[in-house]
C-alpha atoms as a PDB file:
ATOM      1  CA  MET A   1      -6.847  20.536  -4.162  1.00  0.00           C
ATOM      2  CA  ILE A   2      -4.192  22.956  -5.360  1.00  0.00           C
ATOM      3  CA  VAL A   3      -1.575  23.692  -2.333  1.00  0.00           C
ATOM      4  CA  ASP A   4      -0.504  27.359  -2.893  1.00  0.00           C
ATOM      5  CA  ASP A   5       2.110  27.564  -0.271  1.00  0.00           C
ATOM      6  CA  PRO A   6       4.496  24.265  -0.492  1.00  0.00           C
ATOM      7  CA  VAL A   7       6.153  23.498   2.655  1.00  0.00           C
ATOM      8  CA  TYR A   8       9.702  21.444   2.078  1.00  0.00           C
ATOM      9  CA  ASP A   9      11.805  19.903   4.304  1.00  0.00           C
ATOM     10  CA  TYR A  10      14.941  21.632   3.046  1.00  0.00           C
ATOM     11  CA  VAL A  11      15.531  24.938   0.931  1.00  0.00           C
ATOM     12  CA  ILE A  12      18.660  24.982  -0.634  1.00  0.00           C
ATOM     13  CA  ILE A  13      20.734  27.387  -3.042  1.00  0.00           C
ATOM     14  CA  GLY A  14      24.191  27.775  -4.912  1.00  0.00           C
ATOM     15  CA  LYS A  15      25.906  27.325  -7.847  1.00  0.00           C
ATOM     16  CA  GLY A  16      25.998  23.649  -7.858  1.00  0.00           C
ATOM     17  CA  ILE A  17      28.583  23.109  -5.226  1.00  0.00           C
ATOM     18  CA  ILE A  18      27.517  20.625  -2.616  1.00  0.00           C
ATOM     19  CA  ARG A  19      28.880  22.191   0.690  1.00  0.00           C
ATOM     20  CA  PRO A  20      29.112  20.250   3.831  1.00  0.00           C
ATOM     21  CA  SER A  21      25.630  21.893   5.423  1.00  0.00           C
ATOM     22  CA  ILE A  22      23.869  20.537   2.011  1.00  0.00           C
ATOM     23  CA  SER A  23      25.413  17.055   2.408  1.00  0.00           C
ATOM     24  CA  GLU A  24      23.671  16.825   5.707  1.00  0.00           C
ATOM     25  CA  ILE A  25      20.535  17.672   4.264  1.00  0.00           C
ATOM     26  CA  LEU A  26      20.875  15.141   1.500  1.00  0.00           C
ATOM     27  CA  ALA A  27      21.692  12.411   4.249  1.00  0.00           C
ATOM     28  CA  ASP A  28      18.641  13.144   6.074  1.00  0.00           C
ATOM     29  CA  ALA A  29      16.633   9.787   5.485  1.00  0.00           C
ATOM     30  CA  ASN A  30      13.180  11.051   6.549  1.00  0.00           C
ATOM     31  CA  ALA A  31      13.379  14.076   3.965  1.00  0.00           C
ATOM     32  CA  THR A  32      10.510  13.872   1.576  1.00  0.00           C
ATOM     33  CA  SER A  33      11.041  17.108  -0.388  1.00  0.00           C
ATOM     34  CA  ILE A  34      13.671  19.586  -1.194  1.00  0.00           C
ATOM     35  CA  ASP A  35      13.136  23.331  -2.767  1.00  0.00           C
ATOM     36  CA  ALA A  36      16.266  23.336  -5.177  1.00  0.00           C
ATOM     37  CA  THR A  37      15.057  26.184  -7.254  1.00  0.00           C
ATOM     38  CA  GLY A  38      17.668  28.354  -5.891  1.00  0.00           C
ATOM     39  CA  ILE A  39      20.112  26.289  -7.529  1.00  0.00           C
ATOM     40  CA  THR A  40      22.091  28.289 -10.273  1.00  0.00           C
ATOM     41  CA  ALA A  41      24.406  25.696 -11.798  1.00  0.00           C
ATOM     42  CA  ALA A  42      23.526  21.873 -12.915  1.00  0.00           C
ATOM     43  CA  THR A  43      24.396  19.416 -10.228  1.00  0.00           C
ATOM     44  CA  ALA A  44      23.321  15.633  -8.984  1.00  0.00           C
ATOM     45  CA  LEU A  45      21.688  16.207  -5.605  1.00  0.00           C
ATOM     46  CA  PRO A  46      21.852  12.150  -4.042  1.00  0.00           C
ATOM     47  CA  THR A  47      19.504  11.895  -1.385  1.00  0.00           C
ATOM     48  CA  ALA A  48      19.716   9.609   1.573  1.00  0.00           C
ATOM     49  CA  ASN A  49      15.645   8.804   0.923  1.00  0.00           C
ATOM     50  CA  PRO A  50      15.052   7.513  -2.407  1.00  0.00           C
ATOM     51  CA  ASN A  51      11.464   8.920  -2.439  1.00  0.00           C
ATOM     52  CA  CYS A  52      12.597  12.361  -1.716  1.00  0.00           C
ATOM     53  CA  LEU A  53      11.107  14.752  -4.141  1.00  0.00           C
ATOM     54  CA  ILE A  54      12.927  17.601  -5.621  1.00  0.00           C
ATOM     55  CA  VAL A  55      11.726  20.743  -6.936  1.00  0.00           C
ATOM     56  CA  ALA A  56      14.302  22.543  -9.220  1.00  0.00           C
ATOM     57  CA  ASN A  57      14.097  24.577 -12.558  1.00  0.00           C
ATOM     58  CA  ASP A  58      14.633  23.058 -15.772  1.00  0.00           C
ATOM     59  CA  GLY A  59      18.191  21.817 -16.366  1.00  0.00           C
ATOM     60  CA  MET A  60      19.447  22.322 -12.664  1.00  0.00           C
ATOM     61  CA  VAL A  61      19.388  19.040 -11.134  1.00  0.00           C
ATOM     62  CA  THR A  62      20.694  16.170 -13.217  1.00  0.00           C
ATOM     63  CA  ASN A  63      18.938  13.205 -11.116  1.00  0.00           C
ATOM     64  CA  THR A  64      17.068  10.969 -13.427  1.00  0.00           C
ATOM     65  CA  GLN A  65      13.988  10.483 -11.199  1.00  0.00           C
ATOM     66  CA  ASN A  66      11.804  12.455  -8.501  1.00  0.00           C
ATOM     67  CA  VAL A  67      12.798  15.753  -9.909  1.00  0.00           C
ATOM     68  CA  ILE A  68       9.562  18.159 -10.328  1.00  0.00           C
ATOM     69  CA  VAL A  69      10.146  21.131 -12.943  1.00  0.00           C
ATOM     70  CA  GLY A  70       7.221  23.265 -13.701  1.00  0.00           C
ATOM     71  CA  GLY A  71       4.786  20.944 -11.693  1.00  0.00           C
ATOM     72  CA  THR A  72       5.933  17.960 -14.014  1.00  0.00           C
ATOM     73  CA  CYS A  73       8.139  15.095 -13.008  1.00  0.00           C
ATOM     74  CA  ALA A  74       9.210  13.169 -15.814  1.00  0.00           C
ATOM     75  CA  ASN A  75      10.008   9.930 -13.873  1.00  0.00           C
ATOM     76  CA  LEU A  76       8.617   9.275 -10.675  1.00  0.00           C
ATOM     77  CA  VAL A  77       9.803   6.115  -8.919  1.00  0.00           C
ATOM     78  CA  LEU A  78       8.721   5.073  -5.482  1.00  0.00           C
ATOM     79  CA  THR A  79      11.012   2.697  -3.567  1.00  0.00           C
ATOM     80  CA  ASP A  80       9.425   0.284  -0.957  1.00  0.00           C
ATOM     81  CA  ASN A  81       9.834   1.021   2.782  1.00  0.00           C
ATOM     82  CA  HIS A  82      11.058   4.696   2.287  1.00  0.00           C
ATOM     83  CA  PRO A  83       8.826   7.728   2.912  1.00  0.00           C
ATOM     84  CA  PHE A  84       6.864   9.982   0.507  1.00  0.00           C
ATOM     85  CA  LYS A  85       4.903  12.975   0.856  1.00  0.00           C
ATOM     86  CA  ALA A  86       4.228  15.795  -1.851  1.00  0.00           C
ATOM     87  CA  PRO A  87       4.745  19.232  -0.901  1.00  0.00           C
ATOM     88  CA  ALA A  88       2.395  20.420  -3.656  1.00  0.00           C
ATOM     89  CA  ASP A  89       0.216  18.776  -6.525  1.00  0.00           C
ATOM     90  CA  PHE A  90       2.006  17.843  -9.440  1.00  0.00           C
ATOM     91  CA  THR A  91       1.740  15.271 -12.435  1.00  0.00           C
ATOM     92  CA  ALA A  92       4.377  12.150 -13.457  1.00  0.00           C
ATOM     93  CA  THR A  93       4.780  11.474 -16.847  1.00  0.00           C
ATOM     94  CA  THR A  94       5.616   7.954 -15.576  1.00  0.00           C
ATOM     95  CA  ALA A  95       5.354   6.600 -12.362  1.00  0.00           C
ATOM     96  CA  THR A  96       6.549   2.974 -10.724  1.00  0.00           C
ATOM     97  CA  TYR A  97       6.428   1.316  -7.499  1.00  0.00           C
ATOM     98  CA  ASN A  98       7.485  -2.111  -7.054  1.00  0.00           C
ATOM     99  CA  THR A  99       6.544  -4.204  -3.897  1.00  0.00           C
ATOM    100  CA  THR A 100       6.990  -7.987  -3.173  1.00  0.00           C
ATOM    101  CA  ILE A 101       3.745  -9.720  -2.437  1.00  0.00           C
ATOM    102  CA  ASN A 102       3.900 -12.630   0.317  1.00  0.00           C
ATOM    103  CA  THR A 103       4.442 -15.707  -1.836  1.00  0.00           C
ATOM    104  CA  THR A 104       2.637 -18.042   1.302  1.00  0.00           C
ATOM    105  CA  ALA A 105      -0.439 -16.034   1.963  1.00  0.00           C
ATOM    106  CA  LYS A 106      -0.538 -14.501  -1.736  1.00  0.00           C
ATOM    107  CA  ALA A 107      -1.911 -11.299  -0.282  1.00  0.00           C
ATOM    108  CA  GLY A 108      -0.789  -8.132   1.028  1.00  0.00           C
ATOM    109  CA  THR A 109      -2.005  -4.477   1.074  1.00  0.00           C
ATOM    110  CA  LEU A 110      -1.109  -1.365  -0.974  1.00  0.00           C
ATOM    111  CA  TYR A 111      -1.585   2.515  -0.886  1.00  0.00           C
ATOM    112  CA  LEU A 112      -0.340   4.455  -3.894  1.00  0.00           C
ATOM    113  CA  PRO A 113      -0.593   8.263  -4.231  1.00  0.00           C
ATOM    114  CA  TYR A 114      -1.251   7.861  -8.111  1.00  0.00           C
ATOM    115  CA  ALA A 115      -3.840   5.708 -10.311  1.00  0.00           C
ATOM    116  CA  ALA A 116      -1.741   2.454 -11.218  1.00  0.00           C
ATOM    117  CA  ALA A 117      -2.607  -0.211 -13.372  1.00  0.00           C
ATOM    118  CA  ILE A 118      -3.338  -3.670 -11.798  1.00  0.00           C
ATOM    119  CA  PRO A 119      -0.499  -6.260 -13.312  1.00  0.00           C
ATOM    120  CA  SER A 120      -1.081  -9.138 -14.973  1.00  0.00           C
ATOM    121  CA  GLY A 121      -1.541 -12.034 -12.470  1.00  0.00           C
ATOM    122  CA  VAL A 122      -2.787  -9.625  -9.656  1.00  0.00           C
ATOM    123  CA  LYS A 123      -5.987  -9.048  -8.097  1.00  0.00           C
ATOM    124  CA  ALA A 124      -6.735  -5.764  -6.281  1.00  0.00           C
ATOM    125  CA  TYR A 125      -9.901  -5.276  -3.729  1.00  0.00           C
ATOM    126  CA  THR A 126     -11.566  -2.802  -2.095  1.00  0.00           C
ATOM    127  CA  LEU A 127     -13.114  -3.596   1.637  1.00  0.00           C
ATOM    128  CA  THR A 128     -16.334  -2.809   3.342  1.00  0.00           C
ATOM    129  CA  TYR A 129     -17.238  -3.158   6.951  1.00  0.00           C
ATOM    130  CA  THR A 130     -20.473  -2.917   7.989  1.00  0.00           C
ATOM    131  CA  SER A 131     -20.522  -5.148  11.626  1.00  0.00           C
ATOM    132  CA  GLY A 132     -19.379  -8.228  12.963  1.00  0.00           C
ATOM    133  CA  SER A 133     -16.123 -10.371  12.229  1.00  0.00           C
ATOM    134  CA  GLU A 134     -15.964 -10.040   8.691  1.00  0.00           C
ATOM    135  CA  VAL A 135     -15.185  -7.698   5.882  1.00  0.00           C
ATOM    136  CA  THR A 136     -16.302  -7.773   2.191  1.00  0.00           C
ATOM    137  CA  ALA A 137     -13.739  -7.634  -0.369  1.00  0.00           C
ATOM    138  CA  THR A 138     -15.014  -6.363  -3.777  1.00  0.00           C
ATOM    139  CA  GLU A 139     -12.287  -6.910  -7.034  1.00  0.00           C
ATOM    140  CA  ILE A 140     -11.610  -3.654  -8.864  1.00  0.00           C
ATOM    141  CA  THR A 141     -12.226  -4.748 -12.474  1.00  0.00           C
ATOM    142  CA  THR A 142     -11.578  -1.209 -14.168  1.00  0.00           C
ATOM    143  CA  GLY A 143      -7.841  -2.173 -14.621  1.00  0.00           C
ATOM    144  CA  THR A 144      -6.843   0.495 -12.716  1.00  0.00           C
ATOM    145  CA  ILE A 145      -6.260   1.039  -9.003  1.00  0.00           C
ATOM    146  CA  PRO A 146      -7.519   4.962  -8.600  1.00  0.00           C
ATOM    147  CA  ALA A 147      -5.465   7.175  -6.640  1.00  0.00           C
ATOM    148  CA  ASN A 148      -5.400   7.285  -3.036  1.00  0.00           C
ATOM    149  CA  THR A 149      -7.249   4.189  -2.856  1.00  0.00           C
ATOM    150  CA  PRO A 150      -5.959   1.617  -0.448  1.00  0.00           C
ATOM    151  CA  VAL A 151      -6.520  -2.168  -1.537  1.00  0.00           C
ATOM    152  CA  LEU A 152      -5.993  -5.920  -0.599  1.00  0.00           C
ATOM    153  CA  LEU A 153      -3.948  -7.423  -3.153  1.00  0.00           C
ATOM    154  CA  ASN A 154      -3.641 -10.944  -4.467  1.00  0.00           C
ATOM    155  CA  GLY A 155      -0.881 -12.224  -6.007  1.00  0.00           C
ATOM    156  CA  GLU A 156       2.799 -13.410  -5.448  1.00  0.00           C
ATOM    157  CA  GLY A 157       6.299 -12.298  -5.653  1.00  0.00           C
ATOM    158  CA  SER A 158       7.992  -9.023  -6.925  1.00  0.00           C
ATOM    159  CA  THR A 159       5.453  -6.856  -8.673  1.00  0.00           C
ATOM    160  CA  ASP A 160       5.517  -3.380 -10.447  1.00  0.00           C
ATOM    161  CA  PHE A 161       2.641  -0.910 -10.184  1.00  0.00           C
ATOM    162  CA  ASN A 162       2.811   1.461 -13.027  1.00  0.00           C
ATOM    163  CA  GLY A 163       0.906   4.833 -14.269  1.00  0.00           C
ATOM    164  CA  THR A 164       1.243   7.230 -17.205  1.00  0.00           C
ATOM    165  CA  GLY A 165       0.457  10.741 -16.800  1.00  0.00           C
ATOM    166  CA  VAL A 166      -0.628  10.487 -13.443  1.00  0.00           C
ATOM    167  CA  ALA A 167      -2.037  13.201 -10.982  1.00  0.00           C
ATOM    168  CA  ILE A 168      -0.292  13.348  -7.717  1.00  0.00           C
ATOM    169  CA  ASP A 169      -2.596  15.544  -4.859  1.00  0.00           C
ATOM    170  CA  ALA A 170      -0.659  17.107  -2.027  1.00  0.00           C
ATOM    171  CA  ASP A 171      -3.932  16.553  -0.030  1.00  0.00           C
ATOM    172  CA  GLY A 172      -4.703  13.213  -0.951  1.00  0.00           C
ATOM    173  CA  ALA A 173      -7.293  10.946   0.997  1.00  0.00           C
ATOM    174  CA  PHE A 174      -5.851   8.426   2.825  1.00  0.00           C
ATOM    175  CA  ALA A 175      -8.994   6.341   3.399  1.00  0.00           C
ATOM    176  CA  SER A 176     -11.262   4.533   1.455  1.00  0.00           C
ATOM    177  CA  GLY A 177     -14.073   1.669   2.508  1.00  0.00           C
ATOM    178  CA  ALA A 178     -12.569   0.244   5.663  1.00  0.00           C
ATOM    179  CA  LEU A 179      -8.870   0.719   4.817  1.00  0.00           C
ATOM    180  CA  THR A 180      -6.887   3.260   5.591  1.00  0.00           C
ATOM    181  CA  GLY A 181      -3.444   3.844   3.733  1.00  0.00           C
ATOM    182  CA  VAL A 182      -0.043   5.365   4.693  1.00  0.00           C
ATOM    183  CA  LEU A 183       2.874   6.809   3.035  1.00  0.00           C
ATOM    184  CA  GLU A 184       5.140   7.094   5.740  1.00  0.00           C
ATOM    185  CA  GLN A 185       6.582   4.390   8.323  1.00  0.00           C
ATOM    186  CA  GLY A 186       4.672   4.800  11.645  1.00  0.00           C
ATOM    187  CA  PHE A 187       2.495   2.573  13.977  1.00  0.00           C
ATOM    188  CA  VAL A 188      -1.236   0.742  13.664  1.00  0.00           C
ATOM    189  CA  PRO A 189      -3.486   2.726  15.960  1.00  0.00           C
ATOM    190  CA  LYS A 190      -4.713   0.893  18.777  1.00  0.00           C
ATOM    191  CA  ASP A 191      -8.116  -1.452  17.974  1.00  0.00           C
ATOM    192  CA  SER A 192      -7.536  -1.109  14.191  1.00  0.00           C
ATOM    193  CA  TYR A 193      -6.562  -4.246  12.402  1.00  0.00           C
ATOM    194  CA  VAL A 194      -3.376  -5.296  10.424  1.00  0.00           C
ATOM    195  CA  LEU A 195      -3.231  -8.056   7.831  1.00  0.00           C
ATOM    196  CA  GLN A 196      -1.327 -11.357   9.087  1.00  0.00           C
ATOM    197  CA  ASN A 197      -1.379 -14.898   8.444  1.00  0.00           C
ATOM    198  CA  GLY A 198      -1.685 -15.880  12.055  1.00  0.00           C
ATOM    199  CA  ASP A 199      -2.848 -18.740  13.789  1.00  0.00           C
ATOM    200  CA  SER A 200      -6.270 -18.741  12.337  1.00  0.00           C
ATOM    201  CA  GLY A 201      -5.163 -17.904   8.875  1.00  0.00           C
ATOM    202  CA  LEU A 202      -5.073 -15.106   6.833  1.00  0.00           C
ATOM    203  CA  GLY A 203      -7.166 -12.344   8.103  1.00  0.00           C
ATOM    204  CA  PHE A 204      -6.980  -8.827   9.996  1.00  0.00           C
ATOM    205  CA  TYR A 205      -5.876  -9.151  13.302  1.00  0.00           C
ATOM    206  CA  LYS A 206      -6.717  -6.871  16.094  1.00  0.00           C
ATOM    207  CA  VAL A 207      -3.751  -4.383  17.503  1.00  0.00           C
ATOM    208  CA  ALA A 208      -4.126  -4.569  21.302  1.00  0.00           C
ATOM    209  CA  ALA A 209      -2.085  -1.401  22.069  1.00  0.00           C
ATOM    210  CA  ASP A 210      -0.670   1.873  20.628  1.00  0.00           C
ATOM    211  CA  ASN A 211       2.940   2.223  19.423  1.00  0.00           C
ATOM    212  CA  THR A 212       3.228  -1.802  19.297  1.00  0.00           C
ATOM    213  CA  ILE A 213       2.638  -2.806  15.874  1.00  0.00           C
ATOM    214  CA  GLY A 214       4.711  -0.784  12.961  1.00  0.00           C
ATOM    215  CA  ILE A 215       3.209  -0.144   9.454  1.00  0.00           C
ATOM    216  CA  LYS A 216       5.556   0.425   6.319  1.00  0.00           C
ATOM    217  CA  PRO A 217       5.261   2.964   3.849  1.00  0.00           C
ATOM    218  CA  PHE A 218       2.683   2.320   0.881  1.00  0.00           C
ATOM    219  CA  ARG A 219       0.521  -0.283   3.318  1.00  0.00           C
ATOM    220  CA  ALA A 220      -2.788  -0.063   4.990  1.00  0.00           C
ATOM    221  CA  TYR A 221      -4.406  -1.176   7.945  1.00  0.00           C
ATOM    222  CA  LEU A 222      -8.327  -1.609   8.366  1.00  0.00           C
ATOM    223  CA  THR A 223     -10.860  -0.087  10.979  1.00  0.00           C
ATOM    224  CA  ALA A 224     -13.622  -2.425  12.174  1.00  0.00           C
ATOM    225  CA  THR A 225     -15.513  -1.195  15.322  1.00  0.00           C
ATOM    226  CA  GLY A 226     -16.843  -4.628  17.276  1.00  0.00           C
ATOM    227  CA  GLY A 227     -14.829  -6.638  14.564  1.00  0.00           C
ATOM    228  CA  GLY A 228     -13.514  -8.705  17.771  1.00  0.00           C
ATOM    229  CA  SER A 229      -9.566 -10.174  17.822  1.00  0.00           C
ATOM    230  CA  ARG A 230      -9.743 -10.937  14.090  1.00  0.00           C
ATOM    231  CA  VAL A 231     -11.745  -9.877  11.024  1.00  0.00           C
ATOM    232  CA  ALA A 232     -11.993 -12.676   8.361  1.00  0.00           C
ATOM    233  CA  ILE A 233     -12.253 -11.962   4.485  1.00  0.00           C
ATOM    234  CA  ASN A 234     -15.434 -12.611   2.427  1.00  0.00           C
ATOM    235  CA  PHE A 235     -14.339 -12.855  -1.126  1.00  0.00           C
ATOM    236  CA  ALA A 236     -17.228 -12.484  -3.801  1.00  0.00           C
ATOM    237  CA  ASP A 237     -14.790 -13.730  -6.105  1.00  0.00           C
ATOM    238  CA  GLU A 238     -14.238 -17.613  -5.241  1.00  0.00           C
ATOM    239  CA  THR A 239     -11.446 -17.831  -7.839  1.00  0.00           C
ATOM    240  CA  THR A 240      -8.834 -15.625  -5.784  1.00  0.00           C
ATOM    241  CA  GLY A 241      -5.467 -17.304  -5.124  1.00  0.00           C
ATOM    242  CA  ILE A 242      -5.312 -15.892  -1.567  1.00  0.00           C
ATOM    243  CA  ASN A 243      -5.154 -18.556   1.151  1.00  0.00           C
ATOM    244  CA  ALA A 244      -7.522 -16.754   3.040  1.00  0.00           C
ATOM    245  CA  VAL A 245      -8.871 -19.907   4.785  1.00  0.00           C
ATOM    246  CA  GLN A 246      -6.332 -22.171   5.933  1.00  0.00           C
ATOM    247  CA  GLY A 247      -6.763 -26.296   7.532  1.00  0.00           C
ATOM    248  CA  SER A 248      -7.106 -24.181  11.069  1.00  0.00           C
ATOM    249  CA  ASP A 249      -9.497 -21.974   9.807  1.00  0.00           C
ATOM    250  CA  VAL A 250     -12.105 -24.837   9.180  1.00  0.00           C
ATOM    251  CA  LYS A 251     -11.451 -26.281  12.157  1.00  0.00           C
ATOM    252  CA  VAL A 252     -11.277 -29.861  10.873  1.00  0.00           C
ATOM    253  CA  ASN A 253     -10.364 -31.174  14.681  1.00  0.00           C
ATOM    254  CA  GLY A 254     -13.161 -28.911  16.233  1.00  0.00           C
ATOM    255  CA  SER A 255     -16.634 -28.601  16.477  1.00  0.00           C
ATOM    256  CA  GLU A 256     -17.306 -26.741  13.125  1.00  0.00           C
ATOM    257  CA  ALA A 257     -19.213 -29.196  10.363  1.00  0.00           C
ATOM    258  CA  VAL A 258     -17.478 -29.055   6.950  1.00  0.00           C
ATOM    259  CA  TYR A 259     -19.323 -30.288   3.975  1.00  0.00           C
ATOM    260  CA  ASN A 260     -18.372 -30.506   0.245  1.00  0.00           C
ATOM    261  CA  LEU A 261     -20.506 -28.775  -2.682  1.00  0.00           C
ATOM    262  CA  GLN A 262     -22.892 -31.990  -2.656  1.00  0.00           C
ATOM    263  CA  GLY A 263     -23.969 -31.479   0.873  1.00  0.00           C
ATOM    264  CA  GLN A 264     -21.839 -34.601   2.356  1.00  0.00           C
ATOM    265  CA  ARG A 265     -20.230 -34.119   5.624  1.00  0.00           C
ATOM    266  CA  VAL A 266     -16.333 -33.962   5.481  1.00  0.00           C
ATOM    267  CA  ALA A 267     -14.112 -35.314   8.254  1.00  0.00           C
ATOM    268  CA  GLN A 268     -10.765 -34.092   6.638  1.00  0.00           C
ATOM    269  CA  PRO A 269     -11.091 -31.787   3.630  1.00  0.00           C
ATOM    270  CA  THR A 270      -8.032 -31.703   1.205  1.00  0.00           C
ATOM    271  CA  LYS A 271      -7.695 -28.830  -1.367  1.00  0.00           C
ATOM    272  CA  GLY A 272     -11.114 -27.716  -2.777  1.00  0.00           C
ATOM    273  CA  LEU A 273     -13.953 -25.548  -2.205  1.00  0.00           C
ATOM    274  CA  TYR A 274     -16.137 -26.244   1.035  1.00  0.00           C
ATOM    275  CA  ILE A 275     -19.039 -25.064   3.185  1.00  0.00           C
ATOM    276  CA  VAL A 276     -18.420 -24.074   6.470  1.00  0.00           C
ATOM    277  CA  ASN A 277     -21.115 -22.214   8.775  1.00  0.00           C
ATOM    278  CA  GLY A 278     -23.004 -21.958   5.702  1.00  0.00           C
ATOM    279  CA  LYS A 279     -20.458 -19.990   3.711  1.00  0.00           C
ATOM    280  CA  LYS A 280     -17.788 -21.095   0.873  1.00  0.00           C
ATOM    281  CA  VAL A 281     -14.191 -21.569   1.685  1.00  0.00           C
ATOM    282  CA  ILE A 282     -11.234 -22.642  -0.049  1.00  0.00           C
ATOM    283  CA  VAL A 283      -8.776 -24.717   1.370  1.00  0.00           C
ATOM    284  CA  LYS A 284      -5.411 -24.749  -0.403  1.00  0.00           C
END
């Protein structure tokens, strides 16, 4: 969708001199866009929000990233934990975003406004929910996470998500399947679910009240009507390294029976693949 009348947080003009009033604009950590096409002499505009987009005429803003000239950003760099919002559609010659995937759970959520290549050692899943207390994870096997598609990640540590010649849509969708992505910090809505490695293992845990559970930019939350207090993750791909089922999940000290793949009941399962309630689970 083309946005004919972009809305910017700020509009600045001048001959390249940063006056006190402009300094206050640049210090706004929540500012996501600045119209600097009125600047008539080359200058640098250091913004408190590293993801702030600056729209300018060619050669007038000397920043090396996140400057849009004629509808193209040569170098889009998105920084984790800072807000992002495009005032109008544009194309990025290169785009990158870095995040750290939890090394214990080996999982996280991700939402990006551009199509990103899936890095080596990382898997990305879309999630679908029909009913009950389980969501189905389907691996993206094309090698690319589509733009505006919230996903569940399997990996660990610092990870870059890169794109080349990608389009950023100012009116991009924020929901896909059971997940809703966010680009600005806020709160997860009541009765939605947030990914946690809680007492019952990794899963999506219900948010009991509004304005209680925060969510950072470039993450996603789950919507699952009737899912109960926790929604488990059903992986069609059994080779995932996600610690989706931990010792507490299989309830080795409880009433649920645990069987190995030979159909033999196991009192104390160790690492491996087991059957619990007719479903395959992985004990890490």
